[in-house]
Amino acid sequence: GKLLSLPMQAGLFVEAGSAWGLDDTLNGAID
């Protein structure tokens, strides 16, 4: 509905993921 005359949408979210992988880990020094 409206709050201070402004129509509003509320949400509940969950996110999951990762970033990974290198060509060079400096001989295993980088995870």
Full PDB file with SEQRES, HELIX, SHEET, SSBOND, CRYST1, ORIGX, SCALE, CONECT and MASTER records, all heavy atoms in Angstrom:
SEQRES   1 A   31  GLY LYS LEU LEU SER LEU PRO MET GLN ALA GLY LEU PHE          
SEQRES   2 A   31  VAL GLU ALA GLY SER ALA TRP GLY LEU ASP ASP THR LEU          
SEQRES   3 A   31  ASN GLY ALA ILE ASP                                          
SHEET    1 AA1 2 LYS A   2  LEU A   3  0                                        
SHEET    2 AA1 2 LEU A   6  PRO A   7 -1                                        
CRYST1    1.000    1.000    1.000  90.00  90.00  90.00 P 1           1          
ORIGX1      1.000000  0.000000  0.000000        0.00000                         
ORIGX2      0.000000  1.000000  0.000000        0.00000                         
ORIGX3      0.000000  0.000000  1.000000        0.00000                         
SCALE1      1.000000  0.000000  0.000000        0.00000                         
SCALE2      0.000000  1.000000  0.000000        0.00000                         
SCALE3      0.000000  0.000000  1.000000        0.00000                         
ATOM      1  N   GLY A   1       0.815  -1.207   0.000  1.00  0.00           N  
ATOM      2  CA  GLY A   1       0.000   0.000   0.000  1.00  0.00           C  
ATOM      3  C   GLY A   1       0.846   1.253   0.000  1.00  0.00           C  
ATOM      4  O   GLY A   1       1.979   1.269  -0.490  1.00  0.00           O  
ATOM      5  N   LYS A   2       0.303   2.317   0.541  1.00  0.00           N  
ATOM      6  CA  LYS A   2       0.968   3.616   0.495  1.00  0.00           C  
ATOM      7  C   LYS A   2       1.486   4.011   1.870  1.00  0.00           C  
ATOM      8  O   LYS A   2       0.853   3.778   2.888  1.00  0.00           O  
ATOM      9  CB  LYS A   2       0.010   4.687  -0.018  1.00  0.00           C  
ATOM     10  CG  LYS A   2      -0.387   4.516  -1.482  1.00  0.00           C  
ATOM     11  CD  LYS A   2      -1.241   5.669  -1.951  1.00  0.00           C  
ATOM     12  CE  LYS A   2      -1.575   5.512  -3.440  1.00  0.00           C  
ATOM     13  NZ  LYS A   2      -2.384   6.657  -3.937  1.00  0.00           N  
ATOM     14  N   LEU A   3       2.679   4.603   1.840  1.00  0.00           N  
ATOM     15  CA  LEU A   3       3.277   5.199   3.022  1.00  0.00           C  
ATOM     16  C   LEU A   3       3.684   6.608   2.636  1.00  0.00           C  
ATOM     17  O   LEU A   3       4.430   6.803   1.669  1.00  0.00           O  
ATOM     18  CB  LEU A   3       4.488   4.385   3.490  1.00  0.00           C  
ATOM     19  CG  LEU A   3       5.196   4.898   4.744  1.00  0.00           C  
ATOM     20  CD1 LEU A   3       4.256   4.864   5.939  1.00  0.00           C  
ATOM     21  CD2 LEU A   3       6.446   4.060   5.018  1.00  0.00           C  
ATOM     22  N   LEU A   4       3.165   7.614   3.352  1.00  0.00           N  
ATOM     23  CA  LEU A   4       3.383   9.019   2.974  1.00  0.00           C  
ATOM     24  C   LEU A   4       2.946   9.260   1.538  1.00  0.00           C  
ATOM     25  O   LEU A   4       3.599   9.960   0.758  1.00  0.00           O  
ATOM     26  CB  LEU A   4       4.855   9.412   3.159  1.00  0.00           C  
ATOM     27  CG  LEU A   4       5.420   9.249   4.571  1.00  0.00           C  
ATOM     28  CD1 LEU A   4       6.907   9.575   4.584  1.00  0.00           C  
ATOM     29  CD2 LEU A   4       4.667  10.141   5.549  1.00  0.00           C  
ATOM     30  N   SER A   5       1.820   8.625   1.147  1.00  0.00           N  
ATOM     31  CA  SER A   5       1.214   8.745  -0.195  1.00  0.00           C  
ATOM     32  C   SER A   5       2.046   8.099  -1.289  1.00  0.00           C  
ATOM     33  O   SER A   5       1.797   8.337  -2.477  1.00  0.00           O  
ATOM     34  CB  SER A   5       0.964  10.225  -0.550  1.00  0.00           C  
ATOM     35  OG  SER A   5       0.101  10.820   0.398  1.00  0.00           O  
ATOM     36  N   LEU A   6       3.033   7.275  -0.930  1.00  0.00           N  
ATOM     37  CA  LEU A   6       3.879   6.619  -1.918  1.00  0.00           C  
ATOM     38  C   LEU A   6       3.561   5.131  -1.959  1.00  0.00           C  
ATOM     39  O   LEU A   6       3.659   4.444  -0.934  1.00  0.00           O  
ATOM     40  CB  LEU A   6       5.361   6.814  -1.569  1.00  0.00           C  
ATOM     41  CG  LEU A   6       5.860   8.252  -1.456  1.00  0.00           C  
ATOM     42  CD1 LEU A   6       7.310   8.262  -0.965  1.00  0.00           C  
ATOM     43  CD2 LEU A   6       5.749   8.959  -2.790  1.00  0.00           C  
ATOM     44  N   PRO A   7       3.155   4.565  -3.151  1.00  0.00           N  
ATOM     45  CA  PRO A   7       2.956   3.120  -3.259  1.00  0.00           C  
ATOM     46  C   PRO A   7       4.285   2.399  -3.027  1.00  0.00           C  
ATOM     47  O   PRO A   7       5.321   2.799  -3.564  1.00  0.00           O  
ATOM     48  CB  PRO A   7       2.468   2.933  -4.700  1.00  0.00           C  
ATOM     49  CG  PRO A   7       1.993   4.277  -5.133  1.00  0.00           C  
ATOM     50  CD  PRO A   7       2.832   5.269  -4.393  1.00  0.00           C  
ATOM     51  N   MET A   8       4.245   1.340  -2.233  1.00  0.00           N  
ATOM     52  CA  MET A   8       5.480   0.660  -1.861  1.00  0.00           C  
ATOM     53  C   MET A   8       5.358  -0.844  -2.022  1.00  0.00           C  
ATOM     54  O   MET A   8       4.278  -1.414  -1.905  1.00  0.00           O  
ATOM     55  CB  MET A   8       5.854   0.987  -0.418  1.00  0.00           C  
ATOM     56  CG  MET A   8       6.207   2.440  -0.195  1.00  0.00           C  
ATOM     57  SD  MET A   8       7.090   2.708   1.355  1.00  0.00           S  
ATOM     58  CE  MET A   8       7.530   4.443   1.177  1.00  0.00           C  
ATOM     59  N   GLN A   9       6.516  -1.462  -2.317  1.00  0.00           N  
ATOM     60  CA  GLN A   9       6.636  -2.909  -2.377  1.00  0.00           C  
ATOM     61  C   GLN A   9       7.768  -3.325  -1.441  1.00  0.00           C  
ATOM     62  O   GLN A   9       8.873  -2.775  -1.525  1.00  0.00           O  
ATOM     63  CB  GLN A   9       6.940  -3.398  -3.800  1.00  0.00           C  
ATOM     64  CG  GLN A   9       5.885  -3.038  -4.843  1.00  0.00           C  
ATOM     65  CD  GLN A   9       6.031  -1.628  -5.360  1.00  0.00           C  
ATOM     66  OE1 GLN A   9       7.139  -1.173  -5.636  1.00  0.00           O  
ATOM     67  NE2 GLN A   9       4.908  -0.931  -5.500  1.00  0.00           N  
ATOM     68  N   ALA A  10       7.484  -4.280  -0.564  1.00  0.00           N  
ATOM     69  CA  ALA A  10       8.488  -4.785   0.361  1.00  0.00           C  
ATOM     70  C   ALA A  10       8.828  -6.220  -0.005  1.00  0.00           C  
ATOM     71  O   ALA A  10       7.984  -6.955  -0.543  1.00  0.00           O  
ATOM     72  CB  ALA A  10       7.982  -4.713   1.798  1.00  0.00           C  
ATOM     73  N   GLY A  11      10.060  -6.624   0.269  1.00  0.00           N  
ATOM     74  CA  GLY A  11      10.488  -7.968  -0.090  1.00  0.00           C  
ATOM     75  C   GLY A  11      11.380  -8.593   0.960  1.00  0.00           C  
ATOM     76  O   GLY A  11      12.028  -7.896   1.751  1.00  0.00           O  
ATOM     77  N   LEU A  12      11.402  -9.918   0.953  1.00  0.00           N  
ATOM     78  CA  LEU A  12      12.297 -10.711   1.784  1.00  0.00           C  
ATOM     79  C   LEU A  12      13.096 -11.605   0.848  1.00  0.00           C  
ATOM     80  O   LEU A  12      12.507 -12.327   0.036  1.00  0.00           O  
ATOM     81  CB  LEU A  12      11.498 -11.549   2.781  1.00  0.00           C  
ATOM     82  CG  LEU A  12      12.274 -12.582   3.608  1.00  0.00           C  
ATOM     83  CD1 LEU A  12      13.254 -11.889   4.537  1.00  0.00           C  
ATOM     84  CD2 LEU A  12      11.293 -13.464   4.394  1.00  0.00           C  
ATOM     85  N   PHE A  13      14.439 -11.559   0.910  1.00  0.00           N  
ATOM     86  CA  PHE A  13      15.244 -12.293  -0.052  1.00  0.00           C  
ATOM     87  C   PHE A  13      16.346 -13.107   0.618  1.00  0.00           C  
ATOM     88  O   PHE A  13      16.780 -12.808   1.739  1.00  0.00           O  
ATOM     89  CB  PHE A  13      15.866 -11.349  -1.094  1.00  0.00           C  
ATOM     90  CG  PHE A  13      16.821 -10.334  -0.527  1.00  0.00           C  
ATOM     91  CD1 PHE A  13      18.161 -10.649  -0.301  1.00  0.00           C  
ATOM     92  CD2 PHE A  13      16.391  -9.045  -0.226  1.00  0.00           C  
ATOM     93  CE1 PHE A  13      19.046  -9.714   0.217  1.00  0.00           C  
ATOM     94  CE2 PHE A  13      17.265  -8.101   0.288  1.00  0.00           C  
ATOM     95  CZ  PHE A  13      18.593  -8.442   0.511  1.00  0.00           C  
ATOM     96  N   VAL A  14      16.772 -14.133  -0.118  1.00  0.00           N  
ATOM     97  CA  VAL A  14      17.923 -14.946   0.242  1.00  0.00           C  
ATOM     98  C   VAL A  14      18.777 -15.100  -1.011  1.00  0.00           C  
ATOM     99  O   VAL A  14      18.238 -15.345  -2.108  1.00  0.00           O  
ATOM    100  CB  VAL A  14      17.519 -16.335   0.769  1.00  0.00           C  
ATOM    101  CG1 VAL A  14      18.750 -17.185   1.053  1.00  0.00           C  
ATOM    102  CG2 VAL A  14      16.667 -16.211   2.029  1.00  0.00           C  
ATOM    103  N   GLU A  15      20.095 -14.922  -0.894  1.00  0.00           N  
ATOM    104  CA  GLU A  15      20.998 -15.071  -2.029  1.00  0.00           C  
ATOM    105  C   GLU A  15      22.166 -15.968  -1.639  1.00  0.00           C  
ATOM    106  O   GLU A  15      22.564 -16.012  -0.469  1.00  0.00           O  
ATOM    107  CB  GLU A  15      21.513 -13.707  -2.497  1.00  0.00           C  
ATOM    108  CG  GLU A  15      20.393 -12.766  -2.897  1.00  0.00           C  
ATOM    109  CD  GLU A  15      20.869 -11.547  -3.680  1.00  0.00           C  
ATOM    110  OE1 GLU A  15      22.093 -11.292  -3.714  1.00  0.00           O  
ATOM    111  OE2 GLU A  15      20.008 -10.857  -4.255  1.00  0.00           O  
ATOM    112  N   ALA A  16      22.702 -16.690  -2.623  1.00  0.00           N  
ATOM    113  CA  ALA A  16      23.848 -17.563  -2.362  1.00  0.00           C  
ATOM    114  C   ALA A  16      24.690 -17.654  -3.634  1.00  0.00           C  
ATOM    115  O   ALA A  16      24.176 -17.523  -4.755  1.00  0.00           O  
ATOM    116  CB  ALA A  16      23.385 -18.955  -1.938  1.00  0.00           C  
ATOM    117  N   GLY A  17      25.985 -17.867  -3.476  1.00  0.00           N  
ATOM    118  CA  GLY A  17      26.858 -18.007  -4.634  1.00  0.00           C  
ATOM    119  C   GLY A  17      28.313 -17.883  -4.262  1.00  0.00           C  
ATOM    120  O   GLY A  17      28.690 -17.927  -3.086  1.00  0.00           O  
ATOM    121  N   SER A  18      29.139 -17.671  -5.291  1.00  0.00           N  
ATOM    122  CA  SER A  18      30.574 -17.541  -5.063  1.00  0.00           C  
ATOM    123  C   SER A  18      31.241 -17.045  -6.342  1.00  0.00           C  
ATOM    124  O   SER A  18      30.639 -17.044  -7.423  1.00  0.00           O  
ATOM    125  CB  SER A  18      31.176 -18.897  -4.665  1.00  0.00           C  
ATOM    126  OG  SER A  18      32.523 -18.757  -4.260  1.00  0.00           O  
ATOM    127  N   ALA A  19      32.497 -16.619  -6.194  1.00  0.00           N  
ATOM    128  CA  ALA A  19      33.394 -16.338  -7.319  1.00  0.00           C  
ATOM    129  C   ALA A  19      34.667 -17.125  -7.048  1.00  0.00           C  
ATOM    130  O   ALA A  19      35.186 -17.098  -5.934  1.00  0.00           O  
ATOM    131  CB  ALA A  19      33.687 -14.845  -7.428  1.00  0.00           C  
ATOM    132  N   TRP A  20      35.163 -17.831  -8.056  1.00  0.00           N  
ATOM    133  CA  TRP A  20      36.287 -18.736  -7.803  1.00  0.00           C  
ATOM    134  C   TRP A  20      37.101 -18.940  -9.086  1.00  0.00           C  
ATOM    135  O   TRP A  20      36.669 -18.590 -10.180  1.00  0.00           O  
ATOM    136  CB  TRP A  20      35.775 -20.086  -7.290  1.00  0.00           C  
ATOM    137  CG  TRP A  20      35.083 -20.918  -8.336  1.00  0.00           C  
ATOM    138  CD1 TRP A  20      35.634 -21.941  -9.068  1.00  0.00           C  
ATOM    139  CD2 TRP A  20      33.729 -20.793  -8.812  1.00  0.00           C  
ATOM    140  NE1 TRP A  20      34.719 -22.460  -9.955  1.00  0.00           N  
ATOM    141  CE2 TRP A  20      33.535 -21.775  -9.811  1.00  0.00           C  
ATOM    142  CE3 TRP A  20      32.666 -19.942  -8.491  1.00  0.00           C  
ATOM    143  CZ2 TRP A  20      32.329 -21.931 -10.482  1.00  0.00           C  
ATOM    144  CZ3 TRP A  20      31.455 -20.097  -9.162  1.00  0.00           C  
ATOM    145  CH2 TRP A  20      31.301 -21.071 -10.132  1.00  0.00           C  
ATOM    146  N   GLY A  21      38.286 -19.526  -8.917  1.00  0.00           N  
ATOM    147  CA  GLY A  21      39.110 -19.926 -10.043  1.00  0.00           C  
ATOM    148  C   GLY A  21      40.088 -18.871 -10.521  1.00  0.00           C  
ATOM    149  O   GLY A  21      39.702 -17.757 -10.857  1.00  0.00           O  
ATOM    150  N   LEU A  22      41.390 -19.220 -10.504  1.00  0.00           N  
ATOM    151  CA  LEU A  22      42.456 -18.406 -11.076  1.00  0.00           C  
ATOM    152  C   LEU A  22      43.363 -19.306 -11.890  1.00  0.00           C  
ATOM    153  O   LEU A  22      43.513 -20.498 -11.593  1.00  0.00           O  
ATOM    154  CB  LEU A  22      43.280 -17.724  -9.975  1.00  0.00           C  
ATOM    155  CG  LEU A  22      42.604 -16.668  -9.108  1.00  0.00           C  
ATOM    156  CD1 LEU A  22      43.522 -16.277  -7.959  1.00  0.00           C  
ATOM    157  CD2 LEU A  22      42.235 -15.440  -9.939  1.00  0.00           C  
ATOM    158  N   ASP A  23      43.989 -18.757 -12.920  1.00  0.00           N  
ATOM    159  CA  ASP A  23      44.966 -19.525 -13.691  1.00  0.00           C  
ATOM    160  C   ASP A  23      46.300 -19.612 -12.969  1.00  0.00           C  
ATOM    161  O   ASP A  23      47.051 -20.571 -13.137  1.00  0.00           O  
ATOM    162  CB  ASP A  23      45.164 -18.889 -15.070  1.00  0.00           C  
ATOM    163  CG  ASP A  23      43.880 -18.894 -15.884  1.00  0.00           C  
ATOM    164  OD1 ASP A  23      43.233 -19.950 -15.957  1.00  0.00           O  
ATOM    165  OD2 ASP A  23      43.528 -17.834 -16.425  1.00  0.00           O  
ATOM    166  N   ASP A  24      46.592 -18.606 -12.151  1.00  0.00           N  
ATOM    167  CA  ASP A  24      47.865 -18.543 -11.436  1.00  0.00           C  
ATOM    168  C   ASP A  24      47.565 -18.266  -9.968  1.00  0.00           C  
ATOM    169  O   ASP A  24      47.052 -17.203  -9.613  1.00  0.00           O  
ATOM    170  CB  ASP A  24      48.732 -17.420 -12.029  1.00  0.00           C  
ATOM    171  CG  ASP A  24      50.111 -17.341 -11.395  1.00  0.00           C  
ATOM    172  OD1 ASP A  24      50.375 -18.079 -10.422  1.00  0.00           O  
ATOM    173  OD2 ASP A  24      50.931 -16.520 -11.863  1.00  0.00           O  
ATOM    174  N   THR A  25      47.882 -19.222  -9.104  1.00  0.00           N  
ATOM    175  CA  THR A  25      47.654 -19.046  -7.668  1.00  0.00           C  
ATOM    176  C   THR A  25      48.954 -18.773  -6.920  1.00  0.00           C  
ATOM    177  O   THR A  25      49.016 -18.932  -5.704  1.00  0.00           O  
ATOM    178  CB  THR A  25      46.984 -20.300  -7.073  1.00  0.00           C  
ATOM    179  OG1 THR A  25      47.852 -21.425  -7.254  1.00  0.00           O  
ATOM    180  CG2 THR A  25      45.639 -20.572  -7.733  1.00  0.00           C  
ATOM    181  N   LEU A  26      49.982 -18.344  -7.647  1.00  0.00           N  
ATOM    182  CA  LEU A  26      51.299 -18.070  -7.049  1.00  0.00           C  
ATOM    183  C   LEU A  26      51.786 -19.299  -6.273  1.00  0.00           C  
ATOM    184  O   LEU A  26      52.097 -19.241  -5.084  1.00  0.00           O  
ATOM    185  CB  LEU A  26      51.239 -16.841  -6.143  1.00  0.00           C  
ATOM    186  CG  LEU A  26      50.794 -15.533  -6.803  1.00  0.00           C  
ATOM    187  CD1 LEU A  26      50.810 -14.398  -5.791  1.00  0.00           C  
ATOM    188  CD2 LEU A  26      51.664 -15.199  -8.000  1.00  0.00           C  
ATOM    189  N   ASN A  27      51.787 -20.427  -7.018  1.00  0.00           N  
ATOM    190  CA  ASN A  27      52.260 -21.699  -6.446  1.00  0.00           C  
ATOM    191  C   ASN A  27      51.467 -22.129  -5.222  1.00  0.00           C  
ATOM    192  O   ASN A  27      52.017 -22.649  -4.237  1.00  0.00           O  
ATOM    193  CB  ASN A  27      53.749 -21.612  -6.102  1.00  0.00           C  
ATOM    194  CG  ASN A  27      54.612 -21.404  -7.327  1.00  0.00           C  
ATOM    195  OD1 ASN A  27      54.380 -22.014  -8.366  1.00  0.00           O  
ATOM    196  ND2 ASN A  27      55.594 -20.517  -7.203  1.00  0.00           N  
ATOM    197  N   GLY A  28      50.159 -21.907  -5.286  1.00  0.00           N  
ATOM    198  CA  GLY A  28      49.279 -22.351  -4.209  1.00  0.00           C  
ATOM    199  C   GLY A  28      49.134 -21.379  -3.068  1.00  0.00           C  
ATOM    200  O   GLY A  28      48.415 -21.671  -2.093  1.00  0.00           O  
ATOM    201  N   ALA A  29      49.744 -20.215  -3.154  1.00  0.00           N  
ATOM    202  CA  ALA A  29      49.655 -19.243  -2.062  1.00  0.00           C  
ATOM    203  C   ALA A  29      48.273 -18.590  -1.982  1.00  0.00           C  
ATOM    204  O   ALA A  29      47.887 -18.065  -0.937  1.00  0.00           O  
ATOM    205  CB  ALA A  29      50.727 -18.166  -2.234  1.00  0.00           C  
ATOM    206  N   ILE A  30      47.505 -18.603  -3.099  1.00  0.00           N  
ATOM    207  CA  ILE A  30      46.183 -17.978  -3.140  1.00  0.00           C  
ATOM    208  C   ILE A  30      45.123 -19.074  -3.163  1.00  0.00           C  
ATOM    209  O   ILE A  30      45.206 -20.018  -3.960  1.00  0.00           O  
ATOM    210  CB  ILE A  30      46.035 -17.077  -4.383  1.00  0.00           C  
ATOM    211  CG1 ILE A  30      47.102 -15.981  -4.381  1.00  0.00           C  
ATOM    212  CG2 ILE A  30      44.645 -16.462  -4.425  1.00  0.00           C  
ATOM    213  CD1 ILE A  30      47.139 -15.184  -5.670  1.00  0.00           C  
ATOM    214  N   ASP A  31      44.156 -18.973  -2.303  1.00  0.00           N  
ATOM    215  CA  ASP A  31      43.031 -19.908  -2.266  1.00  0.00           C  
ATOM    216  C   ASP A  31      41.994 -19.455  -3.299  1.00  0.00           C  
ATOM    217  O   ASP A  31      41.348 -18.419  -3.119  1.00  0.00           O  
ATOM    218  CB  ASP A  31      42.428 -19.931  -0.867  1.00  0.00           C  
ATOM    219  CG  ASP A  31      41.246 -20.888  -0.743  1.00  0.00           C  
ATOM    220  OD1 ASP A  31      40.948 -21.595  -1.734  1.00  0.00           O  
ATOM    221  OD2 ASP A  31      40.628 -20.918   0.342  1.00  0.00           O  
TER     222      ASP A  31                                                      
MASTER        0    0    0    0    2    0    0    6  221    1    0    3          
END                                                                             
